[in-house]
PDB file of N, CA and C in Angstrom:
ATOM      1  N   MET A   1     -38.131 -24.905  -4.156  1.00  0.00           N
ATOM      2  CA  MET A   1     -36.879 -24.419  -3.596  1.00  0.00           C
ATOM      3  C   MET A   1     -36.617 -23.020  -4.129  1.00  0.00           C
ATOM      4  N   THR A   2     -36.456 -22.056  -3.218  1.00  0.00           N
ATOM      5  CA  THR A   2     -36.089 -20.705  -3.619  1.00  0.00           C
ATOM      6  C   THR A   2     -34.871 -20.274  -2.836  1.00  0.00           C
ATOM      7  N   VAL A   3     -33.876 -19.829  -3.555  1.00  0.00           N
ATOM      8  CA  VAL A   3     -32.699 -19.217  -2.945  1.00  0.00           C
ATOM      9  C   VAL A   3     -32.563 -17.826  -3.547  1.00  0.00           C
ATOM     10  N   TYR A   4     -31.830 -16.981  -2.865  1.00  0.00           N
ATOM     11  CA  TYR A   4     -31.737 -15.569  -3.226  1.00  0.00           C
ATOM     12  C   TYR A   4     -30.287 -15.134  -3.287  1.00  0.00           C
ATOM     13  N   ILE A   5     -30.010 -14.153  -4.146  1.00  0.00           N
ATOM     14  CA  ILE A   5     -28.653 -13.629  -4.282  1.00  0.00           C
ATOM     15  C   ILE A   5     -28.721 -12.108  -4.398  1.00  0.00           C
ATOM     16  N   ASP A   6     -27.788 -11.442  -3.719  1.00  0.00           N
ATOM     17  CA  ASP A   6     -27.708  -9.992  -3.844  1.00  0.00           C
ATOM     18  C   ASP A   6     -26.659  -9.634  -4.895  1.00  0.00           C
ATOM     19  N   PRO A   7     -26.625  -8.375  -5.329  1.00  0.00           N
ATOM     20  CA  PRO A   7     -25.661  -7.968  -6.358  1.00  0.00           C
ATOM     21  C   PRO A   7     -24.218  -8.119  -5.874  1.00  0.00           C
ATOM     22  N   PRO A   8     -23.290  -8.354  -6.786  1.00  0.00           N
ATOM     23  CA  PRO A   8     -21.877  -8.492  -6.408  1.00  0.00           C
ATOM     24  C   PRO A   8     -21.251  -7.123  -6.129  1.00  0.00           C
ATOM     25  N   VAL A   9     -21.434  -6.638  -4.919  1.00  0.00           N
ATOM     26  CA  VAL A   9     -20.919  -5.316  -4.536  1.00  0.00           C
ATOM     27  C   VAL A   9     -19.992  -5.373  -3.332  1.00  0.00           C
ATOM     28  N   TRP A  10     -19.780  -6.560  -2.769  1.00  0.00           N
ATOM     29  CA  TRP A  10     -18.989  -6.695  -1.549  1.00  0.00           C
ATOM     30  C   TRP A  10     -17.536  -6.999  -1.901  1.00  0.00           C
ATOM     31  N   PRO A  11     -16.600  -6.063  -1.618  1.00  0.00           N
ATOM     32  CA  PRO A  11     -15.194  -6.282  -1.983  1.00  0.00           C
ATOM     33  C   PRO A  11     -14.490  -7.251  -1.029  1.00  0.00           C
ATOM     34  N   GLY A  12     -13.569  -8.004  -1.601  1.00  0.00           N
ATOM     35  CA  GLY A  12     -12.736  -8.902  -0.808  1.00  0.00           C
ATOM     36  C   GLY A  12     -11.799  -9.679  -1.698  1.00  0.00           C
ATOM     37  N   HIS A  13     -10.559  -9.764  -1.313  1.00  0.00           N
ATOM     38  CA  HIS A  13      -9.561 -10.542  -2.049  1.00  0.00           C
ATOM     39  C   HIS A  13      -9.461 -10.110  -3.511  1.00  0.00           C
ATOM     40  N   GLY A  14      -9.569  -8.809  -3.765  1.00  0.00           N
ATOM     41  CA  GLY A  14      -9.418  -8.281  -5.120  1.00  0.00           C
ATOM     42  C   GLY A  14     -10.590  -8.546  -6.049  1.00  0.00           C
ATOM     43  N   ARG A  15     -11.739  -8.936  -5.483  1.00  0.00           N
ATOM     44  CA  ARG A  15     -12.935  -9.240  -6.269  1.00  0.00           C
ATOM     45  C   ARG A  15     -14.149  -8.596  -5.624  1.00  0.00           C
ATOM     46  N   LEU A  16     -15.280  -8.693  -6.350  1.00  0.00           N
ATOM     47  CA  LEU A  16     -16.569  -8.329  -5.782  1.00  0.00           C
ATOM     48  C   LEU A  16     -17.365  -9.604  -5.572  1.00  0.00           C
ATOM     49  N   TRP A  17     -18.165  -9.639  -4.503  1.00  0.00           N
ATOM     50  CA  TRP A  17     -18.867 -10.840  -4.093  1.00  0.00           C
ATOM     51  C   TRP A  17     -20.344 -10.582  -3.878  1.00  0.00           C
ATOM     52  N   SER A  18     -21.128 -11.625  -4.045  1.00  0.00           N
ATOM     53  CA  SER A  18     -22.548 -11.651  -3.715  1.00  0.00           C
ATOM     54  C   SER A  18     -22.746 -12.610  -2.559  1.00  0.00           C
ATOM     55  N   HIS A  19     -23.929 -12.526  -1.953  1.00  0.00           N
ATOM     56  CA  HIS A  19     -24.310 -13.460  -0.897  1.00  0.00           C
ATOM     57  C   HIS A  19     -25.489 -14.294  -1.389  1.00  0.00           C
ATOM     58  N   LEU A  20     -25.373 -15.595  -1.279  1.00  0.00           N
ATOM     59  CA  LEU A  20     -26.423 -16.534  -1.662  1.00  0.00           C
ATOM     60  C   LEU A  20     -27.049 -17.080  -0.393  1.00  0.00           C
ATOM     61  N   VAL A  21     -28.379 -16.931  -0.253  1.00  0.00           N
ATOM     62  CA  VAL A  21     -29.069 -17.355   0.965  1.00  0.00           C
ATOM     63  C   VAL A  21     -30.342 -18.116   0.632  1.00  0.00           C
ATOM     64  N   SER A  22     -30.856 -18.787   1.649  1.00  0.00           N
ATOM     65  CA  SER A  22     -32.154 -19.444   1.582  1.00  0.00           C
ATOM     66  C   SER A  22     -33.067 -18.810   2.621  1.00  0.00           C
ATOM     67  N   ASP A  23     -34.363 -18.802   2.336  1.00  0.00           N
ATOM     68  CA  ASP A  23     -35.326 -18.353   3.343  1.00  0.00           C
ATOM     69  C   ASP A  23     -36.045 -19.548   3.952  1.00  0.00           C
ATOM     70  N   GLU A  24     -35.513 -20.746   3.678  1.00  0.00           N
ATOM     71  CA  GLU A  24     -36.151 -21.983   4.137  1.00  0.00           C
ATOM     72  C   GLU A  24     -35.256 -22.767   5.087  1.00  0.00           C
ATOM     73  N   SER A  25     -34.035 -23.119   4.608  1.00  0.00           N
ATOM     74  CA  SER A  25     -33.151 -23.947   5.433  1.00  0.00           C
ATOM     75  C   SER A  25     -31.737 -23.940   4.876  1.00  0.00           C
ATOM     76  N   PHE A  26     -30.793 -24.291   5.728  1.00  0.00           N
ATOM     77  CA  PHE A  26     -29.418 -24.433   5.267  1.00  0.00           C
ATOM     78  C   PHE A  26     -29.285 -25.648   4.355  1.00  0.00           C
ATOM     79  N   GLU A  27     -30.077 -26.677   4.595  1.00  0.00           N
ATOM     80  CA  GLU A  27     -30.039 -27.866   3.746  1.00  0.00           C
ATOM     81  C   GLU A  27     -30.376 -27.492   2.301  1.00  0.00           C
ATOM     82  N   GLU A  28     -31.418 -26.669   2.136  1.00  0.00           N
ATOM     83  CA  GLU A  28     -31.798 -26.202   0.799  1.00  0.00           C
ATOM     84  C   GLU A  28     -30.660 -25.413   0.157  1.00  0.00           C
ATOM     85  N   LEU A  29     -30.054 -24.538   0.932  1.00  0.00           N
ATOM     86  CA  LEU A  29     -28.960 -23.711   0.432  1.00  0.00           C
ATOM     87  C   LEU A  29     -27.769 -24.571   0.029  1.00  0.00           C
ATOM     88  N   HIS A  30     -27.384 -25.528   0.872  1.00  0.00           N
ATOM     89  CA  HIS A  30     -26.249 -26.400   0.557  1.00  0.00           C
ATOM     90  C   HIS A  30     -26.527 -27.236  -0.692  1.00  0.00           C
ATOM     91  N   ALA A  31     -27.742 -27.719  -0.841  1.00  0.00           N
ATOM     92  CA  ALA A  31     -28.089 -28.523  -2.017  1.00  0.00           C
ATOM     93  C   ALA A  31     -27.981 -27.694  -3.290  1.00  0.00           C
ATOM     94  N   PHE A  32     -28.476 -26.468  -3.265  1.00  0.00           N
ATOM     95  CA  PHE A  32     -28.407 -25.588  -4.435  1.00  0.00           C
ATOM     96  C   PHE A  32     -26.950 -25.307  -4.793  1.00  0.00           C
ATOM     97  N   ALA A  33     -26.156 -24.954  -3.782  1.00  0.00           N
ATOM     98  CA  ALA A  33     -24.746 -24.653  -4.022  1.00  0.00           C
ATOM     99  C   ALA A  33     -24.006 -25.865  -4.579  1.00  0.00           C
ATOM    100  N   GLU A  34     -24.304 -27.031  -4.037  1.00  0.00           N
ATOM    101  CA  GLU A  34     -23.651 -28.254  -4.511  1.00  0.00           C
ATOM    102  C   GLU A  34     -23.974 -28.515  -5.982  1.00  0.00           C
ATOM    103  N   GLU A  35     -25.230 -28.297  -6.361  1.00  0.00           N
ATOM    104  CA  GLU A  35     -25.634 -28.487  -7.770  1.00  0.00           C
ATOM    105  C   GLU A  35     -24.805 -27.619  -8.712  1.00  0.00           C
ATOM    106  N   LEU A  36     -24.408 -26.443  -8.235  1.00  0.00           N
ATOM    107  CA  LEU A  36     -23.623 -25.512  -9.049  1.00  0.00           C
ATOM    108  C   LEU A  36     -22.116 -25.718  -8.916  1.00  0.00           C
ATOM    109  N   GLY A  37     -21.716 -26.635  -8.056  1.00  0.00           N
ATOM    110  CA  GLY A  37     -20.295 -26.863  -7.842  1.00  0.00           C
ATOM    111  C   GLY A  37     -19.627 -25.797  -6.987  1.00  0.00           C
ATOM    112  N   VAL A  38     -20.420 -25.082  -6.197  1.00  0.00           N
ATOM    113  CA  VAL A  38     -19.856 -24.081  -5.278  1.00  0.00           C
ATOM    114  C   VAL A  38     -19.248 -24.834  -4.101  1.00  0.00           C
ATOM    115  N   PRO A  39     -17.975 -24.612  -3.823  1.00  0.00           N
ATOM    116  CA  PRO A  39     -17.331 -25.366  -2.745  1.00  0.00           C
ATOM    117  C   PRO A  39     -17.903 -25.014  -1.371  1.00  0.00           C
ATOM    118  N   ARG A  40     -17.967 -25.985  -0.501  1.00  0.00           N
ATOM    119  CA  ARG A  40     -18.522 -25.785   0.836  1.00  0.00           C
ATOM    120  C   ARG A  40     -17.725 -24.743   1.620  1.00  0.00           C
ATOM    121  N   ARG A  41     -16.451 -24.571   1.283  1.00  0.00           N
ATOM    122  CA  ARG A  41     -15.638 -23.577   1.986  1.00  0.00           C
ATOM    123  C   ARG A  41     -16.127 -22.150   1.726  1.00  0.00           C
ATOM    124  N   ALA A  42     -16.981 -21.962   0.715  1.00  0.00           N
ATOM    125  CA  ALA A  42     -17.550 -20.640   0.418  1.00  0.00           C
ATOM    126  C   ALA A  42     -18.715 -20.302   1.341  1.00  0.00           C
ATOM    127  N   PHE A  43     -19.130 -21.255   2.195  1.00  0.00           N
ATOM    128  CA  PHE A  43     -20.219 -21.018   3.143  1.00  0.00           C
ATOM    129  C   PHE A  43     -19.663 -20.323   4.371  1.00  0.00           C
ATOM    130  N   GLU A  44     -20.299 -19.207   4.739  1.00  0.00           N
ATOM    131  CA  GLU A  44     -19.857 -18.444   5.902  1.00  0.00           C
ATOM    132  C   GLU A  44     -21.050 -18.127   6.800  1.00  0.00           C
ATOM    133  N   ARG A  45     -21.164 -18.844   7.888  1.00  0.00           N
ATOM    134  CA  ARG A  45     -22.199 -18.682   8.921  1.00  0.00           C
ATOM    135  C   ARG A  45     -23.629 -18.909   8.420  1.00  0.00           C
ATOM    136  N   ASP A  46     -24.104 -18.095   7.459  1.00  0.00           N
ATOM    137  CA  ASP A  46     -25.506 -18.183   7.032  1.00  0.00           C
ATOM    138  C   ASP A  46     -25.692 -17.946   5.542  1.00  0.00           C
ATOM    139  N   HIS A  47     -24.594 -17.889   4.799  1.00  0.00           N
ATOM    140  CA  HIS A  47     -24.666 -17.609   3.363  1.00  0.00           C
ATOM    141  C   HIS A  47     -23.434 -18.170   2.647  1.00  0.00           C
ATOM    142  N   TYR A  48     -23.559 -18.264   1.336  1.00  0.00           N
ATOM    143  CA  TYR A  48     -22.404 -18.578   0.498  1.00  0.00           C
ATOM    144  C   TYR A  48     -21.906 -17.281  -0.119  1.00  0.00           C
ATOM    145  N   ASP A  49     -20.592 -17.103  -0.152  1.00  0.00           N
ATOM    146  CA  ASP A  49     -19.980 -16.003  -0.878  1.00  0.00           C
ATOM    147  C   ASP A  49     -19.780 -16.452  -2.319  1.00  0.00           C
ATOM    148  N   ILE A  50     -20.353 -15.681  -3.238  1.00  0.00           N
ATOM    149  CA  ILE A  50     -20.293 -16.011  -4.659  1.00  0.00           C
ATOM    150  C   ILE A  50     -19.521 -14.918  -5.389  1.00  0.00           C
ATOM    151  N   PRO A  51     -18.428 -15.251  -6.089  1.00  0.00           N
ATOM    152  CA  PRO A  51     -17.676 -14.221  -6.812  1.00  0.00           C
ATOM    153  C   PRO A  51     -18.488 -13.688  -8.000  1.00  0.00           C
ATOM    154  N   SER A  52     -18.232 -12.437  -8.346  1.00  0.00           N
ATOM    155  CA  SER A  52     -19.018 -11.765  -9.385  1.00  0.00           C
ATOM    156  C   SER A  52     -19.051 -12.538 -10.701  1.00  0.00           C
ATOM    157  N   HIS A  53     -17.973 -13.235 -11.050  1.00  0.00           N
ATOM    158  CA  HIS A  53     -17.969 -13.951 -12.328  1.00  0.00           C
ATOM    159  C   HIS A  53     -18.928 -15.154 -12.339  1.00  0.00           C
ATOM    160  N   ARG A  54     -19.408 -15.580 -11.170  1.00  0.00           N
ATOM    161  CA  ARG A  54     -20.372 -16.690 -11.089  1.00  0.00           C
ATOM    162  C   ARG A  54     -21.821 -16.215 -10.935  1.00  0.00           C
ATOM    163  N   TYR A  55     -22.020 -14.911 -10.774  1.00  0.00           N
ATOM    164  CA  TYR A  55     -23.347 -14.353 -10.521  1.00  0.00           C
ATOM    165  C   TYR A  55     -24.359 -14.798 -11.584  1.00  0.00           C
ATOM    166  N   GLY A  56     -24.027 -14.670 -12.840  1.00  0.00           N
ATOM    167  CA  GLY A  56     -24.929 -15.062 -13.926  1.00  0.00           C
ATOM    168  C   GLY A  56     -25.273 -16.539 -13.897  1.00  0.00           C
ATOM    169  N   ASP A  57     -24.303 -17.387 -13.562  1.00  0.00           N
ATOM    170  CA  ASP A  57     -24.549 -18.830 -13.449  1.00  0.00           C
ATOM    171  C   ASP A  57     -25.575 -19.124 -12.361  1.00  0.00           C
ATOM    172  N   VAL A  58     -25.430 -18.441 -11.233  1.00  0.00           N
ATOM    173  CA  VAL A  58     -26.303 -18.684 -10.086  1.00  0.00           C
ATOM    174  C   VAL A  58     -27.724 -18.212 -10.398  1.00  0.00           C
ATOM    175  N   VAL A  59     -27.840 -17.043 -10.998  1.00  0.00           N
ATOM    176  CA  VAL A  59     -29.162 -16.541 -11.390  1.00  0.00           C
ATOM    177  C   VAL A  59     -29.774 -17.451 -12.454  1.00  0.00           C
ATOM    178  N   GLY A  60     -28.967 -17.878 -13.408  1.00  0.00           N
ATOM    179  CA  GLY A  60     -29.437 -18.784 -14.452  1.00  0.00           C
ATOM    180  C   GLY A  60     -29.935 -20.117 -13.910  1.00  0.00           C
ATOM    181  N   ALA A  61     -29.394 -20.531 -12.762  1.00  0.00           N
ATOM    182  CA  ALA A  61     -29.804 -21.796 -12.140  1.00  0.00           C
ATOM    183  C   ALA A  61     -31.063 -21.630 -11.290  1.00  0.00           C
ATOM    184  N   GLY A  62     -31.527 -20.383 -11.153  1.00  0.00           N
ATOM    185  CA  GLY A  62     -32.789 -20.169 -10.451  1.00  0.00           C
ATOM    186  C   GLY A  62     -32.767 -19.290  -9.226  1.00  0.00           C
ATOM    187  N   ALA A  63     -31.619 -18.762  -8.831  1.00  0.00           N
ATOM    188  CA  ALA A  63     -31.589 -17.861  -7.681  1.00  0.00           C
ATOM    189  C   ALA A  63     -32.322 -16.568  -8.034  1.00  0.00           C
ATOM    190  N   VAL A  64     -33.065 -16.059  -7.094  1.00  0.00           N
ATOM    191  CA  VAL A  64     -33.829 -14.830  -7.280  1.00  0.00           C
ATOM    192  C   VAL A  64     -32.955 -13.644  -6.879  1.00  0.00           C
ATOM    193  N   GLU A  65     -32.877 -12.655  -7.752  1.00  0.00           N
ATOM    194  CA  GLU A  65     -32.084 -11.460  -7.484  1.00  0.00           C
ATOM    195  C   GLU A  65     -32.839 -10.532  -6.534  1.00  0.00           C
ATOM    196  N   VAL A  66     -32.168 -10.158  -5.441  1.00  0.00           N
ATOM    197  CA  VAL A  66     -32.740  -9.242  -4.459  1.00  0.00           C
ATOM    198  C   VAL A  66     -31.650  -8.279  -3.996  1.00  0.00           C
ATOM    199  N   SER A  67     -32.052  -7.244  -3.276  1.00  0.00           N
ATOM    200  CA  SER A  67     -31.087  -6.292  -2.727  1.00  0.00           C
ATOM    201  C   SER A  67     -30.370  -6.911  -1.525  1.00  0.00           C
ATOM    202  N   SER A  68     -29.265  -6.306  -1.143  1.00  0.00           N
ATOM    203  CA  SER A  68     -28.535  -6.766   0.038  1.00  0.00           C
ATOM    204  C   SER A  68     -29.387  -6.612   1.288  1.00  0.00           C
ATOM    205  N   ARG A  69     -30.147  -5.566   1.357  1.00  0.00           N
ATOM    206  CA  ARG A  69     -31.045  -5.359   2.503  1.00  0.00           C
ATOM    207  C   ARG A  69     -32.076  -6.482   2.578  1.00  0.00           C
ATOM    208  N   GLU A  70     -32.578  -6.909   1.414  1.00  0.00           N
ATOM    209  CA  GLU A  70     -33.570  -7.988   1.371  1.00  0.00           C
ATOM    210  C   GLU A  70     -32.958  -9.314   1.818  1.00  0.00           C
ATOM    211  N   VAL A  71     -31.701  -9.555   1.493  1.00  0.00           N
ATOM    212  CA  VAL A  71     -31.010 -10.770   1.939  1.00  0.00           C
ATOM    213  C   VAL A  71     -31.045 -10.852   3.468  1.00  0.00           C
ATOM    214  N   VAL A  72     -30.718  -9.759   4.124  1.00  0.00           N
ATOM    215  CA  VAL A  72     -30.720  -9.742   5.587  1.00  0.00           C
ATOM    216  C   VAL A  72     -32.135  -9.954   6.119  1.00  0.00           C
ATOM    217  N   ARG A  73     -33.119  -9.301   5.518  1.00  0.00           N
ATOM    218  CA  ARG A  73     -34.508  -9.457   5.946  1.00  0.00           C
ATOM    219  C   ARG A  73     -34.967 -10.903   5.808  1.00  0.00           C
ATOM    220  N   LEU A  74     -34.625 -11.543   4.700  1.00  0.00           N
ATOM    221  CA  LEU A  74     -35.000 -12.939   4.474  1.00  0.00           C
ATOM    222  C   LEU A  74     -34.367 -13.864   5.518  1.00  0.00           C
ATOM    223  N   LEU A  75     -33.090 -13.652   5.814  1.00  0.00           N
ATOM    224  CA  LEU A  75     -32.415 -14.476   6.816  1.00  0.00           C
ATOM    225  C   LEU A  75     -33.053 -14.312   8.190  1.00  0.00           C
ATOM    226  N   HIS A  76     -33.330 -13.070   8.564  1.00  0.00           N
ATOM    227  CA  HIS A  76     -33.980 -12.829   9.857  1.00  0.00           C
ATOM    228  C   HIS A  76     -35.361 -13.467   9.896  1.00  0.00           C
ATOM    229  N   GLY A  77     -36.138 -13.290   8.837  1.00  0.00           N
ATOM    230  CA  GLY A  77     -37.489 -13.832   8.783  1.00  0.00           C
ATOM    231  C   GLY A  77     -37.531 -15.344   8.894  1.00  0.00           C
ATOM    232  N   ALA A  78     -36.512 -16.000   8.371  1.00  0.00           N
ATOM    233  CA  ALA A  78     -36.445 -17.458   8.414  1.00  0.00           C
ATOM    234  C   ALA A  78     -35.780 -17.971   9.697  1.00  0.00           C
ATOM    235  N   GLY A  79     -35.251 -17.054  10.502  1.00  0.00           N
ATOM    236  CA  GLY A  79     -34.535 -17.471  11.712  1.00  0.00           C
ATOM    237  C   GLY A  79     -33.176 -18.073  11.412  1.00  0.00           C
ATOM    238  N   LEU A  80     -32.607 -17.748  10.254  1.00  0.00           N
ATOM    239  CA  LEU A  80     -31.332 -18.331   9.843  1.00  0.00           C
ATOM    240  C   LEU A  80     -30.145 -17.382   9.987  1.00  0.00           C
ATOM    241  N   ARG A  81     -30.373 -16.152  10.434  1.00  0.00           N
ATOM    242  CA  ARG A  81     -29.293 -15.179  10.538  1.00  0.00           C
ATOM    243  C   ARG A  81     -28.341 -15.587  11.651  1.00  0.00           C
ATOM    244  N   ARG A  82     -27.055 -15.655  11.317  1.00  0.00           N
ATOM    245  CA  ARG A  82     -26.010 -15.962  12.294  1.00  0.00           C
ATOM    246  C   ARG A  82     -24.984 -14.844  12.248  1.00  0.00           C
ATOM    247  N   ARG A  83     -24.839 -14.161  13.333  1.00  0.00           N
ATOM    248  CA  ARG A  83     -23.884 -13.051  13.397  1.00  0.00           C
ATOM    249  C   ARG A  83     -22.474 -13.569  13.694  1.00  0.00           C
ATOM    250  N   LYS A  84     -21.485 -12.717  13.364  1.00  0.00           N
ATOM    251  CA  LYS A  84     -20.107 -13.044  13.714  1.00  0.00           C
ATOM    252  C   LYS A  84     -19.984 -13.104  15.223  1.00  0.00           C
ATOM    253  N   ALA A  85     -19.057 -13.899  15.691  1.00  0.00           N
ATOM    254  CA  ALA A  85     -18.811 -14.037  17.129  1.00  0.00           C
ATOM    255  C   ALA A  85     -18.300 -12.719  17.693  1.00  0.00           C
ATOM    256  N   ALA A  86     -18.629 -12.420  18.922  1.00  0.00           N
ATOM    257  CA  ALA A  86     -18.166 -11.212  19.584  1.00  0.00           C
ATOM    258  C   ALA A  86     -16.651 -11.192  19.626  1.00  0.00           C
ATOM    259  N   GLY A  87     -16.087 -10.016  19.494  1.00  0.00           N
ATOM    260  CA  GLY A  87     -14.628  -9.881  19.527  1.00  0.00           C
ATOM    261  C   GLY A  87     -14.008  -9.974  18.164  1.00  0.00           C
ATOM    262  N   GLY A  88     -14.825 -10.154  17.114  1.00  0.00           N
ATOM    263  CA  GLY A  88     -14.322 -10.163  15.756  1.00  0.00           C
ATOM    264  C   GLY A  88     -13.589 -11.416  15.350  1.00  0.00           C
ATOM    265  N   SER A  89     -13.642 -12.472  16.144  1.00  0.00           N
ATOM    266  CA  SER A  89     -12.970 -13.712  15.750  1.00  0.00           C
ATOM    267  C   SER A  89     -13.690 -14.330  14.571  1.00  0.00           C
ATOM    268  N   ARG A  90     -12.962 -15.022  13.737  1.00  0.00           N
ATOM    269  CA  ARG A  90     -13.551 -15.602  12.527  1.00  0.00           C
ATOM    270  C   ARG A  90     -13.572 -17.089  12.588  1.00  0.00           C
TER     271      ARG A  90
END
């Protein structure tokens, strides 16, 4: 099982966030997140949003550190990339 995380550089809600992804399956990603106690509500389309204060925990549990560009490449390569719906609806 390999999951990947980018650096916590994405601002939102007064914090910085990382994206946690799998290059294999959503099942793998959900299982990894569950092991760490990451709530399912942190899953957004194709990744988990991880707050910067949890970054070290996630890496310590085995997530591989990659660039944000690499996260997108991995999702596309695995066929797991899900874009936001047209019109900006969430």
